Amino acid sequence: MSTARVAIITGAAQGIGEAIAIRLANEDINFTLLDVKGKEGQLENVVKQVEAKGRKAICIAGDVSVEEVVKNVVDKTVEVFGGLDIMVANAGITLFKPFLETTVEDFHKLMSVNVLGVTLCFQYAARQMIKQGRGGRIIGASSGAGKQGIHNMAVYSASKFAVRGLTQATSSELRKHNITVNSYAPGFILTPMNAHPDDDKYGGLGSVAKMAANMPADLQGAEPDVIAGLVAYLISPEAHFTTGQTINVNGGLYCD
């Protein structure tokens, strides 16, 4: 019988989610990779990269803000791999927009993915882990904007502050089940989510986003693998004593 652990990674088609999947494929882990419909080709590419490292992986297209989707992802993972040990609720969306121009539609869209989606992933993963009785690791996506409100990103910041609260509260409730709950708070990470058609005019990938968020002009971005490295630690045996934390990975842009 396989002793491999089993992980679900959401938002896995690109950027931080892709980097996490590729990094964790260095461990004895099999994967379910989830992203929205329309990104099936990208997901299949990540599956191939994971399989090239000798791991097993399946991919599913769906929206984390839909409860039935999250339930089915967990159920399918258990059906295929026999259990669930790691949930990385990475899926999220961003919005650079002045607060006074932010609409109710903007609010609901951001909150549905960034807060409800993470909540559902935490909840369904925890239920499965408790049923199994062998503990687990739950990891969410917060942001530097969840530590300090960011210019032109008011509602996005609010959504990422919410992830911090969710992480702290759930870690307290799940401690007795040997489940740790942590989140990462990235700073300026060079991902497709931060891309803009005018980036080449202003200094490369993420330059327009950096200006919109009023970040320092000389701020250097980092590749997504800096987040993947933290996640690799958080699922390690040594991280059993780390829970309830939202950990900065931001090059010193913000310090707690």
Protein backbone atom coordinates (compact mmCIF):
# COMPACT_ATOMS: atom_id res chain seq x y z
CA MET A 1 0.00 0.00 0.00
CA SER A 2 1.31 3.45 -0.93
CA THR A 3 2.59 5.64 1.89
CA ALA A 4 2.50 8.78 -0.25
CA ARG A 5 0.70 11.74 1.21
CA VAL A 6 -2.10 13.37 -0.78
CA ALA A 7 -2.48 17.08 -1.50
CA ILE A 8 -5.06 19.33 -3.11
CA ILE A 9 -3.78 22.59 -4.58
CA THR A 10 -6.26 25.16 -5.85
CA GLY A 11 -5.37 27.86 -8.35
CA ALA A 12 -2.78 25.40 -9.62
CA ALA A 13 -2.69 26.26 -13.33
CA GLN A 14 -0.12 29.03 -13.08
CA GLY A 15 1.87 31.32 -10.82
CA ILE A 16 2.16 30.44 -7.14
CA GLY A 17 -0.10 27.37 -7.37
CA GLU A 18 1.94 25.88 -10.20
CA ALA A 19 5.19 26.57 -8.34
CA ILE A 20 3.84 24.88 -5.21
CA ALA A 21 2.80 21.77 -7.14
CA ILE A 22 6.19 21.44 -8.84
CA ARG A 23 8.07 22.01 -5.57
CA LEU A 24 5.99 19.54 -3.56
CA ALA A 25 6.43 16.93 -6.31
CA ASN A 26 9.95 16.57 -4.91
CA GLU A 27 8.28 14.97 -1.89
CA ASP A 28 6.35 11.69 -1.71
CA ILE A 29 3.02 13.35 -2.51
CA ASN A 30 0.23 12.72 -5.02
CA PHE A 31 -1.95 15.60 -6.18
CA THR A 32 -5.32 16.87 -7.17
CA LEU A 33 -4.88 20.18 -9.00
CA LEU A 34 -7.81 22.57 -9.37
CA ASP A 35 -8.35 25.75 -11.33
CA VAL A 36 -11.20 27.49 -13.14
CA LYS A 37 -12.72 26.30 -16.38
CA GLY A 38 -10.76 27.55 -19.38
CA LYS A 39 -7.42 26.66 -17.82
CA GLU A 40 -7.59 22.92 -18.46
CA GLY A 41 -4.63 23.05 -20.85
CA GLN A 42 -2.46 24.79 -18.28
CA LEU A 43 -3.54 22.31 -15.61
CA GLU A 44 -2.63 19.38 -17.85
CA ASN A 45 0.81 20.91 -18.32
CA VAL A 46 1.31 21.08 -14.56
CA VAL A 47 0.14 17.47 -14.24
CA LYS A 48 2.81 16.45 -16.77
CA GLN A 49 5.50 18.28 -14.80
CA VAL A 50 4.42 16.57 -11.59
CA GLU A 51 4.28 13.16 -13.25
CA ALA A 52 7.76 13.71 -14.72
CA LYS A 53 8.99 13.69 -11.11
CA GLY A 54 7.40 10.31 -10.53
CA ARG A 55 4.24 11.47 -8.77
CA LYS A 56 0.59 10.87 -9.57
CA ALA A 57 -1.78 13.74 -10.30
CA ILE A 58 -5.27 14.47 -11.52
CA CYS A 59 -6.73 17.84 -12.46
CA ILE A 60 -10.23 19.24 -12.12
CA ALA A 61 -11.72 22.44 -13.50
CA GLY A 62 -14.05 24.30 -11.18
CA ASP A 63 -14.79 27.35 -9.03
CA VAL A 64 -13.73 27.23 -5.36
CA SER A 65 -16.55 29.59 -4.40
CA VAL A 66 -19.11 26.88 -5.26
CA GLU A 67 -19.60 24.53 -2.32
CA GLU A 68 -20.49 21.50 -4.45
CA VAL A 69 -17.29 21.93 -6.46
CA VAL A 70 -15.11 21.90 -3.34
CA LYS A 71 -16.98 18.94 -1.88
CA ASN A 72 -16.58 17.00 -5.13
CA VAL A 73 -12.87 17.81 -5.34
CA VAL A 74 -12.28 16.40 -1.87
CA ASP A 75 -14.48 13.37 -2.57
CA LYS A 76 -12.74 12.66 -5.89
CA THR A 77 -9.33 13.00 -4.25
CA VAL A 78 -10.25 10.45 -1.60
CA GLU A 79 -11.73 8.12 -4.23
CA VAL A 80 -8.58 8.23 -6.40
CA PHE A 81 -5.81 8.45 -3.79
CA GLY A 82 -7.40 7.06 -0.64
CA GLY A 83 -7.30 10.13 1.59
CA LEU A 84 -6.23 13.74 2.04
CA ASP A 85 -3.28 15.05 4.03
CA ILE A 86 -2.57 18.55 2.67
CA MET A 87 -4.88 21.31 1.47
CA VAL A 88 -3.32 24.36 -0.17
CA ALA A 89 -6.17 26.84 -0.70
CA ASN A 90 -4.19 29.01 -3.07
CA ALA A 91 -6.87 30.18 -5.51
CA GLY A 92 -7.48 33.91 -5.45
CA ILE A 93 -8.19 36.92 -7.61
CA THR A 94 -7.02 40.52 -7.39
CA LEU A 95 -8.35 43.97 -8.26
CA PHE A 96 -6.51 47.24 -8.66
CA LYS A 97 -9.20 49.90 -8.43
CA PRO A 98 -9.78 53.08 -6.41
CA PHE A 99 -12.02 52.47 -3.42
CA LEU A 100 -14.59 55.06 -4.53
CA GLU A 101 -14.97 53.29 -7.87
CA THR A 102 -15.29 49.78 -6.42
CA THR A 103 -18.72 48.28 -7.07
CA VAL A 104 -20.89 45.86 -5.15
CA GLU A 105 -20.22 43.37 -7.95
CA ASP A 106 -16.46 43.81 -7.42
CA PHE A 107 -16.92 43.22 -3.70
CA HIS A 108 -18.91 40.03 -4.08
CA LYS A 109 -16.55 38.62 -6.72
CA LEU A 110 -13.45 39.18 -4.58
CA MET A 111 -15.04 37.90 -1.39
CA SER A 112 -16.55 34.83 -3.05
CA VAL A 113 -13.19 33.56 -4.28
CA ASN A 114 -10.73 34.94 -1.73
CA VAL A 115 -12.77 34.36 1.43
CA LEU A 116 -15.63 31.94 0.77
CA GLY A 117 -13.42 29.78 -1.48
CA VAL A 118 -10.70 29.52 1.15
CA THR A 119 -13.29 28.86 3.86
CA LEU A 120 -14.85 26.00 1.91
CA CYS A 121 -11.46 24.46 1.17
CA PHE A 122 -10.46 24.66 4.84
CA GLN A 123 -13.79 23.22 5.98
CA TYR A 124 -14.07 20.25 3.63
CA ALA A 125 -10.41 19.38 4.03
CA ALA A 126 -10.69 19.50 7.82
CA ARG A 127 -13.76 17.26 7.84
CA GLN A 128 -11.94 14.64 5.78
CA MET A 129 -8.77 14.88 7.87
CA ILE A 130 -10.74 14.49 11.11
CA LYS A 131 -12.52 11.45 9.67
CA GLN A 132 -9.17 9.87 8.82
CA GLY A 133 -7.77 10.55 12.29
CA ARG A 134 -4.17 11.11 11.21
CA GLY A 135 -3.98 14.90 11.31
CA GLY A 136 -3.12 17.11 8.37
CA ARG A 137 -1.82 20.41 7.07
CA ILE A 138 -4.08 23.21 5.83
CA ILE A 139 -2.54 26.24 4.14
CA GLY A 140 -4.26 29.35 2.79
CA ALA A 141 -3.38 32.29 0.61
CA SER A 142 -3.36 35.62 2.39
CA SER A 143 -1.18 38.52 1.18
CA GLY A 144 0.96 41.41 2.27
CA ALA A 145 -2.30 43.26 1.66
CA GLY A 146 -3.71 41.17 4.50
CA LYS A 147 -1.15 42.68 6.88
CA GLN A 148 -1.31 46.30 5.71
CA GLY A 149 -4.02 47.86 3.56
CA ILE A 150 -2.79 48.63 0.06
CA HIS A 151 -3.49 51.70 -2.08
CA ASN A 152 -6.13 51.04 -4.78
CA MET A 153 -6.77 47.59 -3.32
CA ALA A 154 -9.20 48.24 -0.47
CA VAL A 155 -11.58 45.31 -0.92
CA TYR A 156 -8.78 42.94 -1.94
CA SER A 157 -6.99 43.94 1.26
CA ALA A 158 -10.16 43.31 3.26
CA SER A 159 -10.46 39.83 1.76
CA LYS A 160 -6.89 38.94 2.66
CA PHE A 161 -7.26 40.30 6.21
CA ALA A 162 -10.22 37.89 6.44
CA VAL A 163 -7.99 34.95 5.54
CA ARG A 164 -5.72 35.85 8.46
CA GLY A 165 -8.66 35.76 10.86
CA LEU A 166 -9.88 32.48 9.40
CA THR A 167 -6.41 30.99 9.77
CA GLN A 168 -6.12 31.99 13.43
CA ALA A 169 -9.61 30.85 14.44
CA THR A 170 -9.55 27.52 12.61
CA SER A 171 -6.08 26.68 13.92
CA SER A 172 -7.45 26.94 17.44
CA GLU A 173 -10.40 24.67 16.70
CA LEU A 174 -8.43 22.08 14.74
CA ARG A 175 -5.38 21.81 17.01
CA LYS A 176 -6.92 18.94 18.98
CA HIS A 177 -7.17 16.96 15.74
CA ASN A 178 -3.45 17.35 15.00
CA ILE A 179 -4.23 19.62 12.05
CA THR A 180 -2.11 22.73 11.58
CA VAL A 181 -3.51 25.77 9.77
CA ASN A 182 -1.25 28.47 8.35
CA SER A 183 -1.27 30.99 5.52
CA TYR A 184 1.34 32.78 3.46
CA ALA A 185 1.44 36.54 2.90
CA PRO A 186 3.34 37.22 -0.33
CA GLY A 187 4.69 40.60 -1.26
CA PHE A 188 5.48 41.54 -4.86
CA ILE A 189 5.58 38.16 -6.62
CA LEU A 190 6.10 37.95 -10.37
CA THR A 191 3.03 36.02 -11.47
CA PRO A 192 0.57 36.23 -14.38
CA MET A 193 -2.03 37.67 -11.99
CA ASN A 194 0.11 40.81 -11.70
CA ALA A 195 0.64 41.14 -15.47
CA HIS A 196 -0.66 44.12 -17.49
CA PRO A 197 -0.50 44.80 -21.24
CA ASP A 198 1.52 47.99 -20.59
CA ASP A 199 4.16 46.34 -18.37
CA ASP A 200 6.86 46.56 -21.06
CA LYS A 201 6.50 50.35 -21.13
CA TYR A 202 7.20 50.74 -17.43
CA GLY A 203 9.85 48.18 -16.54
CA GLY A 204 8.58 44.65 -17.10
CA LEU A 205 6.22 42.15 -15.49
CA GLY A 206 4.23 43.63 -12.62
CA SER A 207 5.39 47.21 -13.14
CA VAL A 208 1.88 48.58 -13.72
CA ALA A 209 0.54 46.68 -10.70
CA LYS A 210 3.39 48.06 -8.60
CA MET A 211 2.49 51.62 -9.60
CA ALA A 212 -1.22 51.02 -8.98
CA ALA A 213 -0.47 49.76 -5.48
CA ASN A 214 1.84 52.71 -4.76
CA MET A 215 4.80 50.42 -4.08
CA PRO A 216 8.38 51.77 -4.12
CA ALA A 217 9.71 52.12 -7.67
CA ASP A 218 12.91 50.27 -6.81
CA LEU A 219 11.09 47.30 -5.22
CA GLN A 220 12.31 44.04 -6.71
CA GLY A 221 9.86 41.22 -7.26
CA ALA A 222 10.48 37.54 -6.54
CA GLU A 223 9.60 34.38 -8.40
CA PRO A 224 6.73 32.19 -7.12
CA ASP A 225 9.13 29.51 -5.90
CA VAL A 226 9.84 31.60 -2.78
CA ILE A 227 6.27 30.84 -1.68
CA ALA A 228 6.59 27.20 -2.72
CA GLY A 229 9.63 26.86 -0.48
CA LEU A 230 7.65 28.10 2.53
CA VAL A 231 4.81 25.69 1.78
CA ALA A 232 7.33 22.84 1.59
CA TYR A 233 8.40 23.74 5.12
CA LEU A 234 4.83 24.05 6.42
CA ILE A 235 4.03 20.48 5.35
CA SER A 236 7.25 19.09 6.83
CA PRO A 237 7.42 17.14 10.11
CA GLU A 238 9.40 20.01 11.68
CA ALA A 239 6.46 22.39 11.17
CA HIS A 240 4.14 20.53 13.56
CA PHE A 241 4.61 23.34 16.11
CA THR A 242 3.74 26.13 13.64
CA THR A 243 0.03 26.86 13.43
CA GLY A 244 -2.28 29.86 13.27
CA GLN A 245 0.37 31.93 11.51
CA THR A 246 0.22 34.12 8.41
CA ILE A 247 3.83 34.31 7.32
CA ASN A 248 5.34 37.23 5.40
CA VAL A 249 7.37 36.48 2.27
CA ASN A 250 7.90 39.98 0.95
CA GLY A 251 11.55 41.00 0.84
CA GLY A 252 11.12 43.22 3.89
CA LEU A 253 8.42 45.41 2.32
CA TYR A 254 6.35 44.99 5.47
CA CYS A 255 7.43 43.65 8.88
CA ASP A 256 5.13 42.53 11.72
